[in-house]
Protein backbone atom coordinates (compact mmCIF):
# COMPACT_ATOMS: atom_id res chain seq x y z
CA MET A 1 -26.44 24.78 11.19
CA ASN A 2 -23.04 24.03 9.72
CA LYS A 3 -22.11 20.49 8.73
CA ARG A 4 -19.52 19.05 11.17
CA VAL A 5 -16.36 17.35 9.80
CA ILE A 6 -13.61 15.46 11.68
CA VAL A 7 -10.24 16.03 10.01
CA GLY A 8 -7.43 13.64 10.51
CA LEU A 9 -4.51 16.14 11.26
CA SER A 10 -1.35 13.85 10.70
CA GLY A 11 1.12 16.67 11.47
CA GLY A 12 1.77 17.14 7.68
CA VAL A 13 1.16 19.82 5.28
CA ASP A 14 -1.55 18.15 3.25
CA SER A 15 -3.96 17.55 6.24
CA SER A 16 -3.07 20.88 7.63
CA VAL A 17 -4.39 22.58 4.34
CA ALA A 18 -7.32 20.26 4.16
CA ALA A 19 -8.35 21.51 7.58
CA ALA A 20 -7.81 25.25 6.53
CA LEU A 21 -9.90 24.92 3.42
CA LEU A 22 -12.80 23.26 5.18
CA LYS A 23 -12.82 25.93 7.91
CA GLU A 24 -12.77 28.54 5.09
CA GLN A 25 -15.78 26.88 3.62
CA ASN A 26 -17.69 27.23 6.87
CA TYR A 27 -17.70 23.66 8.05
CA ASP A 28 -17.73 23.07 11.72
CA VAL A 29 -14.21 21.48 11.87
CA ILE A 30 -12.74 19.27 14.61
CA GLY A 31 -9.20 18.22 14.18
CA VAL A 32 -7.97 14.77 15.49
CA TYR A 33 -4.55 13.14 15.56
CA ILE A 34 -4.62 9.33 15.38
CA LEU A 35 -2.18 7.64 17.64
CA GLY A 36 -1.33 4.48 15.80
CA TRP A 37 2.15 2.89 15.98
CA THR A 38 3.98 4.06 19.15
CA GLY A 39 7.24 2.27 18.38
CA THR A 40 9.55 0.13 20.43
CA ASP A 41 13.09 0.53 21.82
CA LYS A 42 14.78 -0.91 18.75
CA PHE A 43 12.22 0.73 16.27
CA PRO A 44 11.22 4.07 17.77
CA CYS A 45 8.57 6.26 16.36
CA ASN A 46 8.52 10.12 16.58
CA TRP A 47 4.92 10.40 16.98
CA GLN A 48 5.14 12.98 19.78
CA LYS A 49 6.59 15.41 17.12
CA GLU A 50 3.89 14.70 14.66
CA GLU A 51 1.24 15.20 17.22
CA GLY A 52 2.75 18.40 18.33
CA ASP A 53 2.77 19.67 14.81
CA ALA A 54 -0.96 18.75 14.26
CA ARG A 55 -1.81 20.45 17.60
CA ALA A 56 0.03 23.53 16.47
CA VAL A 57 -2.02 23.65 13.30
CA ALA A 58 -5.33 23.25 15.19
CA GLU A 59 -4.38 26.20 17.34
CA LYS A 60 -3.49 28.31 14.43
CA LEU A 61 -6.86 27.53 12.81
CA GLN A 62 -8.66 27.90 16.24
CA ILE A 63 -10.34 24.61 15.95
CA PRO A 64 -10.81 21.87 18.59
CA PHE A 65 -8.21 19.23 18.76
CA TYR A 66 -8.13 15.71 20.14
CA THR A 67 -5.75 12.69 20.20
CA ILE A 68 -7.53 9.48 19.45
CA ASN A 69 -5.55 6.53 20.72
CA LEU A 70 -6.04 3.55 18.16
CA SER A 71 -2.71 1.89 18.95
CA LYS A 72 -4.33 -1.44 19.86
CA GLU A 73 -6.49 -1.34 16.73
CA TYR A 74 -3.45 -0.47 14.51
CA GLU A 75 -1.30 -3.23 16.06
CA LYS A 76 -4.00 -5.92 15.42
CA ALA A 77 -5.26 -4.70 11.97
CA VAL A 78 -1.94 -3.49 10.42
CA ILE A 79 1.22 -4.67 12.20
CA ASP A 80 -0.03 -8.23 12.95
CA GLU A 81 -1.39 -8.68 9.46
CA PHE A 82 1.76 -7.35 8.02
CA PHE A 83 3.76 -10.15 9.66
CA VAL A 84 1.09 -12.76 8.86
CA VAL A 85 1.32 -11.93 5.07
CA TYR A 86 5.07 -11.88 4.91
CA LYS A 87 5.30 -15.22 6.81
CA ALA A 88 2.92 -16.72 4.29
CA GLY A 89 5.30 -15.55 1.40
CA GLY A 90 3.35 -12.54 0.30
CA THR A 91 4.12 -8.82 0.22
CA PRO A 92 1.57 -6.75 2.12
CA ASN A 93 0.65 -3.01 1.64
CA PRO A 94 0.14 -1.79 5.19
CA ASP A 95 -1.04 1.64 3.82
CA ILE A 96 -4.07 0.02 2.42
CA LEU A 97 -4.86 -1.74 5.65
CA CYS A 98 -4.15 1.62 7.46
CA ASN A 99 -6.79 3.38 5.37
CA SER A 100 -9.43 0.80 5.46
CA GLN A 101 -9.11 -0.36 9.11
CA ILE A 102 -7.96 2.73 10.93
CA LYS A 103 -8.56 6.08 9.13
CA PHE A 104 -11.99 5.20 7.71
CA LYS A 105 -13.22 2.70 10.12
CA ALA A 106 -11.82 2.80 13.60
CA LEU A 107 -11.57 6.54 13.65
CA TRP A 108 -15.10 6.87 12.33
CA GLN A 109 -16.30 4.72 15.12
CA ALA A 110 -14.31 6.49 17.66
CA VAL A 111 -15.60 10.06 16.96
CA ARG A 112 -19.28 9.16 16.78
CA GLN A 113 -19.51 10.94 20.12
CA PHE A 114 -19.00 14.24 18.19
CA GLU A 115 -21.93 13.42 15.83
CA PRO A 116 -20.05 14.25 12.60
CA ASP A 117 -21.44 14.47 9.15
CA PHE A 118 -18.15 13.88 7.48
CA ILE A 119 -14.49 12.67 7.95
CA ALA A 120 -11.78 14.33 5.92
CA THR A 121 -8.12 13.70 5.24
CA GLY A 122 -5.36 15.17 3.11
CA HIS A 123 -5.46 12.42 0.52
CA TYR A 124 -4.73 13.44 -3.20
CA SER A 125 -8.07 11.99 -4.31
CA ILE A 126 -11.47 13.42 -5.26
CA SER A 127 -14.65 12.59 -3.47
CA LYS A 128 -17.84 13.28 -5.38
CA ASP A 129 -21.43 12.12 -4.90
CA GLY A 130 -20.31 9.22 -2.80
CA LYS A 131 -17.68 8.07 -5.22
CA ILE A 132 -13.91 8.47 -5.31
CA TYR A 133 -11.82 9.53 -8.39
CA LYS A 134 -8.16 9.97 -9.02
CA GLY A 135 -6.61 13.07 -7.75
CA ALA A 136 -5.77 16.02 -9.97
CA ASP A 137 -2.04 15.65 -9.39
CA ASN A 138 -1.06 12.57 -11.42
CA ASN A 139 2.18 12.37 -9.55
CA LYS A 140 0.50 12.46 -6.03
CA ASP A 141 -2.83 10.55 -6.64
CA GLN A 142 -3.43 8.34 -3.75
CA SER A 143 -6.68 6.56 -4.81
CA TYR A 144 -4.78 3.22 -5.11
CA PHE A 145 -4.49 3.09 -1.39
CA LEU A 146 -8.26 3.57 -0.85
CA TRP A 147 -9.85 0.57 -2.68
CA ALA A 148 -10.55 -1.43 0.57
CA ILE A 149 -12.63 1.29 2.23
CA ASP A 150 -16.11 0.19 3.32
CA PRO A 151 -18.50 1.43 0.57
CA GLU A 152 -21.06 2.54 3.34
CA ILE A 153 -18.79 5.31 4.55
CA LEU A 154 -18.15 6.83 1.08
CA PRO A 155 -20.96 9.38 1.35
CA HIS A 156 -19.34 10.75 4.36
CA ILE A 157 -15.77 11.19 3.13
CA LEU A 158 -14.31 14.51 2.05
CA PHE A 159 -10.93 14.97 0.32
CA PRO A 160 -10.48 18.85 0.37
CA ILE A 161 -7.15 18.97 -1.52
CA GLY A 162 -7.89 16.32 -4.20
CA HIS A 163 -8.50 18.87 -6.89
CA LEU A 164 -5.17 20.49 -6.31
CA GLU A 165 -1.52 19.77 -7.25
CA LYS A 166 1.16 19.69 -4.66
CA PRO A 167 2.80 23.09 -5.28
CA GLU A 168 -0.61 24.68 -4.98
CA VAL A 169 -1.17 22.96 -1.57
CA ARG A 170 2.36 24.28 -0.51
CA LYS A 171 1.36 27.76 -1.72
CA LEU A 172 -1.90 27.66 0.28
CA ALA A 173 -0.01 26.43 3.34
CA LYS A 174 2.23 29.46 3.16
CA ASN A 175 -0.74 31.84 2.51
CA TYR A 176 -2.47 30.38 5.62
CA ASN A 177 0.76 30.85 7.52
CA LEU A 178 0.48 27.26 8.81
CA PRO A 179 3.17 25.85 11.08
CA THR A 180 3.68 22.87 8.69
CA SER A 181 4.04 25.14 5.53
CA THR A 182 7.74 24.19 5.08
CA LYS A 183 7.62 20.52 6.48
CA LYS A 184 8.93 17.86 4.20
CA ASP A 185 6.62 15.03 3.15
CA SER A 186 6.59 12.01 5.15
CA MET A 187 7.83 8.80 3.76
CA GLY A 188 7.51 5.08 4.70
CA ILE A 189 4.80 3.02 6.30
CA CYS A 190 1.55 4.74 7.44
CA PHE A 191 2.01 5.92 11.14
CA VAL A 192 5.41 4.34 11.31
CA GLY A 193 7.42 6.43 8.75
CA PRO A 194 10.83 5.25 7.57
CA LEU A 195 11.57 1.83 8.62
CA LYS A 196 14.15 -0.72 7.93
CA VAL A 197 11.75 -3.43 6.81
CA ARG A 198 14.20 -6.28 6.59
CA GLU A 199 15.37 -5.63 10.30
CA PHE A 200 11.78 -5.21 11.34
CA LEU A 201 10.76 -8.54 9.84
CA ALA A 202 13.84 -10.21 11.26
CA SER A 203 12.81 -9.06 14.79
CA HIS A 204 9.37 -11.03 14.41
CA LEU A 205 10.05 -13.94 11.84
CA LYS A 206 12.55 -16.60 11.92
CA ALA A 207 14.64 -16.60 8.77
CA GLU A 208 15.32 -19.98 7.18
CA LYS A 209 17.93 -20.05 4.57
CA GLY A 210 17.31 -22.11 1.34
CA GLU A 211 18.18 -22.49 -2.20
CA ALA A 212 18.08 -19.73 -4.78
CA VAL A 213 17.51 -21.41 -8.14
CA MET A 214 17.05 -20.51 -11.77
CA LYS A 215 13.73 -21.42 -13.38
CA ASP A 216 15.29 -24.51 -14.96
CA GLY A 217 16.24 -25.66 -11.36
CA ARG A 218 19.83 -24.82 -11.47
CA VAL A 219 21.00 -23.74 -7.86
CA LEU A 220 22.90 -20.40 -8.09
CA ALA A 221 22.96 -19.05 -4.57
CA THR A 222 21.60 -19.47 -1.09
CA HIS A 223 18.75 -17.15 0.02
CA ARG A 224 18.65 -15.70 3.54
CA GLY A 225 14.86 -16.18 4.17
CA LEU A 226 11.97 -15.97 1.72
CA PRO A 227 10.20 -13.11 3.61
CA PHE A 228 13.14 -10.82 2.93
CA TYR A 229 12.50 -10.88 -0.90
CA THR A 230 9.86 -9.63 -3.04
CA ILE A 231 8.93 -10.60 -6.56
CA GLY A 232 10.56 -8.13 -9.06
CA GLN A 233 13.40 -7.33 -6.74
CA ARG A 234 16.85 -6.94 -8.42
CA LEU A 235 19.37 -9.07 -6.61
CA GLY A 236 22.57 -7.30 -5.84
CA ALA A 237 25.97 -8.47 -4.65
CA GLY A 238 24.77 -8.72 -1.07
CA SER A 239 21.19 -9.87 -1.42
CA VAL A 240 22.06 -13.53 -1.66
CA ASP A 241 24.99 -15.79 -0.99
CA TRP A 242 26.18 -16.41 -4.66
CA THR A 243 27.96 -19.59 -5.63
CA GLY A 244 29.59 -17.68 -8.62
CA ASP A 245 29.59 -14.73 -10.78
CA VAL A 246 26.19 -14.16 -12.39
CA PRO A 247 24.53 -11.40 -14.64
CA PRO A 248 21.91 -9.09 -13.18
CA LEU A 249 19.08 -11.40 -11.96
CA PHE A 250 15.67 -10.73 -10.39
CA VAL A 251 13.24 -12.48 -8.00
CA ILE A 252 10.47 -14.03 -10.28
CA ALA A 253 8.75 -16.42 -7.74
CA LYS A 254 8.84 -17.90 -4.34
CA ASP A 255 8.22 -21.51 -3.62
CA ILE A 256 6.95 -21.43 -0.16
CA GLU A 257 6.44 -25.26 0.23
CA LYS A 258 10.15 -26.04 -0.69
CA ASN A 259 11.54 -22.77 0.63
CA LYS A 260 13.01 -21.93 -2.72
CA LEU A 261 13.74 -18.49 -4.24
CA ILE A 262 13.43 -18.66 -8.02
CA ILE A 263 15.36 -16.15 -10.01
CA GLY A 264 15.70 -15.06 -13.68
CA THR A 265 16.12 -12.16 -15.99
CA GLU A 266 13.99 -9.03 -15.87
CA ALA A 267 12.00 -10.31 -18.78
CA ASP A 268 10.87 -13.22 -16.63
CA THR A 269 9.28 -10.87 -14.20
CA TYR A 270 6.47 -9.92 -16.67
CA ALA A 271 3.06 -11.78 -16.90
CA THR A 272 -0.43 -11.36 -18.21
CA GLU A 273 -2.70 -13.03 -15.76
CA LEU A 274 -3.42 -13.14 -11.99
CA LEU A 275 -5.93 -14.55 -9.56
CA ALA A 276 -7.22 -12.25 -6.81
CA ILE A 277 -9.07 -12.83 -3.60
CA LYS A 278 -11.29 -10.76 -1.20
CA PRO A 279 -12.64 -8.24 -3.78
CA ASN A 280 -14.14 -4.99 -2.50
CA TRP A 281 -16.34 -3.19 -4.92
CA LEU A 282 -17.33 0.41 -4.05
CA SER A 283 -20.64 0.31 -5.75
CA PRO A 284 -23.03 -2.47 -6.80
CA ASP A 285 -22.40 -1.97 -10.55
CA ALA A 286 -18.62 -1.30 -10.13
CA GLN A 287 -17.40 -4.52 -11.77
CA LYS A 288 -19.36 -3.79 -14.98
CA LEU A 289 -17.35 -0.47 -15.34
CA VAL A 290 -13.85 -1.74 -15.08
CA ALA A 291 -11.65 -0.50 -17.87
CA THR A 292 -8.18 -0.54 -16.40
CA ALA A 293 -6.21 -1.70 -13.36
CA LYS A 294 -2.79 -1.37 -11.68
CA ILE A 295 -0.92 -3.64 -9.23
CA ARG A 296 1.59 -0.93 -8.09
CA TYR A 297 1.23 2.52 -6.94
CA ARG A 298 2.35 4.96 -9.68
CA GLN A 299 2.15 2.14 -12.23
CA ILE A 300 0.55 3.02 -15.53
CA ASP A 301 -2.96 1.70 -15.79
CA VAL A 302 -3.37 -1.25 -18.21
CA ALA A 303 -6.63 -2.40 -19.76
CA VAL A 304 -8.03 -5.57 -18.17
CA LYS A 305 -10.62 -8.22 -18.49
CA VAL A 306 -12.24 -9.38 -15.03
CA THR A 307 -13.96 -12.61 -14.68
CA GLU A 308 -15.60 -13.68 -11.42
CA THR A 309 -14.71 -17.16 -10.19
CA GLU A 310 -15.69 -19.26 -7.11
CA THR A 311 -12.76 -18.15 -5.14
CA GLY A 312 -12.24 -14.58 -6.34
CA LEU A 313 -11.36 -12.88 -9.57
CA GLN A 314 -9.47 -13.87 -12.77
CA VAL A 315 -7.74 -10.84 -14.30
CA THR A 316 -6.15 -10.78 -17.75
CA PHE A 317 -4.05 -7.74 -18.73
CA LYS A 318 -4.03 -6.53 -22.29
CA ASP A 319 -0.29 -5.79 -22.05
CA LYS A 320 2.19 -7.59 -19.83
CA VAL A 321 2.78 -6.12 -16.30
CA ARG A 322 5.87 -6.40 -14.05
CA ALA A 323 6.01 -8.20 -10.83
CA ILE A 324 2.81 -9.66 -10.09
CA THR A 325 3.17 -10.11 -6.28
CA PRO A 326 0.93 -12.03 -3.93
CA GLY A 327 -0.17 -10.02 -0.99
CA GLN A 328 -0.22 -6.82 -3.06
CA SER A 329 -3.27 -5.07 -4.39
CA ILE A 330 -4.87 -4.93 -7.84
CA VAL A 331 -7.02 -1.78 -8.02
CA PHE A 332 -9.62 -1.09 -10.68
CA TYR A 333 -10.73 2.08 -12.38
CA SER A 334 -13.40 3.12 -14.86
CA ALA A 335 -12.70 4.88 -18.14
CA ASP A 336 -13.35 8.34 -16.41
CA ASN A 337 -10.87 7.54 -13.53
CA GLN A 338 -13.36 6.58 -10.91
CA LEU A 339 -12.03 4.23 -8.27
CA LEU A 340 -14.11 1.08 -8.64
CA GLY A 341 -12.52 -1.25 -6.02
CA GLY A 342 -9.82 -3.77 -5.70
CA ALA A 343 -8.67 -7.18 -4.41
CA ILE A 344 -5.69 -9.03 -3.02
CA ILE A 345 -3.38 -10.74 -5.39
CA ALA A 346 -3.34 -14.48 -4.51
CA SER A 347 -1.38 -16.11 -7.30
CA SER A 348 -0.57 -16.04 -11.01
CA PRO A 349 -0.67 -18.96 -13.52
CA ASP A 350 2.74 -17.76 -14.66
CA LEU A 351 4.18 -17.97 -11.23
CA ASP A 352 2.74 -21.39 -10.64
CA ASN A 353 4.32 -22.55 -13.93
CA ILE A 354 7.67 -21.09 -12.92
CA ILE A 355 7.58 -22.97 -9.62
CA LYS A 356 6.46 -26.25 -11.29
CA ASN A 357 9.25 -26.00 -13.92
CA ALA A 358 11.99 -25.04 -11.25
CA ASN A 359 11.12 -28.31 -9.40
CA THR A 360 11.37 -30.63 -12.35
CA LYS A 361 12.97 -34.01 -11.60
CA ASN A 362 15.34 -33.67 -14.58
CA ARG A 363 17.01 -30.39 -13.61
CA PRO A 364 20.66 -29.93 -14.54
CA LYS A 365 23.25 -31.10 -12.11
CA GLU A 366 25.46 -28.00 -12.35
CA THR A 367 25.14 -25.71 -9.41
CA SER A 368 26.77 -22.52 -10.85
CA ARG A 369 27.27 -20.89 -14.12
CA ASN A 370 30.92 -21.11 -13.40
CA SER A 371 30.92 -24.85 -12.41
CA LYS A 372 33.69 -26.90 -13.84
CA LYS A 373 32.53 -29.70 -16.16
């Protein structure tokens, strides 16, 4: 009897080819479309078009197709958490929440009626012997977004295109004559797509203006609400209300307690240490195998030392990394590119010191670089 696999068909070319490859390998394939974000009047979602494309692929491959409504689960696990983290001053990664809570948890529970052996997606990662490795395409590798998956489901996950590069996937889509073969890659938030994040946040969070100060405490501008800024962000002409002409400056920290945006040079955005919480290790011995880590998708891996603490993990980088941002993820790898796990960045001693220094009682009285003496 052939092994049964549930394929998450998103309506894109990657998941389409994943389904085609599995059918060619004689799996008993069932295609499902996950209904996650359904949109609002102000922030519409074109999910009907994506579902239609997914259905067309299933018809082409002659496999069963179902739409699984996980919109309530998505709103609670992804959208609500998105606002909670932003309100607390962090910058969340909804794609990581989407993968761990929706694609590889809620969906797996919802399709148990089909008695599947596996669940498959079009991620550019490699699944092997119950472990996840970086995908063969360095430009498309998506293992960074998979660290929070429940380790128990790993033996049931398949990534059929992980060993391929994007041009090869496009070629296969054309060879299979799939309806999505010429479709452009989707961009934006998982299930949401392109979204004006600032406007989306403003629709749910009350913006409170405050001081934008240099790290020595000098007030240079007025920020428009801390949730609208992220560490490492370059501040352009319209990003804050400047009190005078300034050189290129960047967000280097956010003082939530005093509602201050702390700004400095790009060099000030680099640091070597962070504290992380809620670690998720994908195997019992994973922490012992850590060789490198990254705190951004597409960032070059950096050698690290990881120390377990009472509250989480203390991570020290061999080389400085840019924009350590609370709410984002630090993801760990072994020397042979195995995804070992990850954690949520909570703080950094460097950020704490910046905030402390910016609030010194002896800060300069001048309020602008152009202030008259």
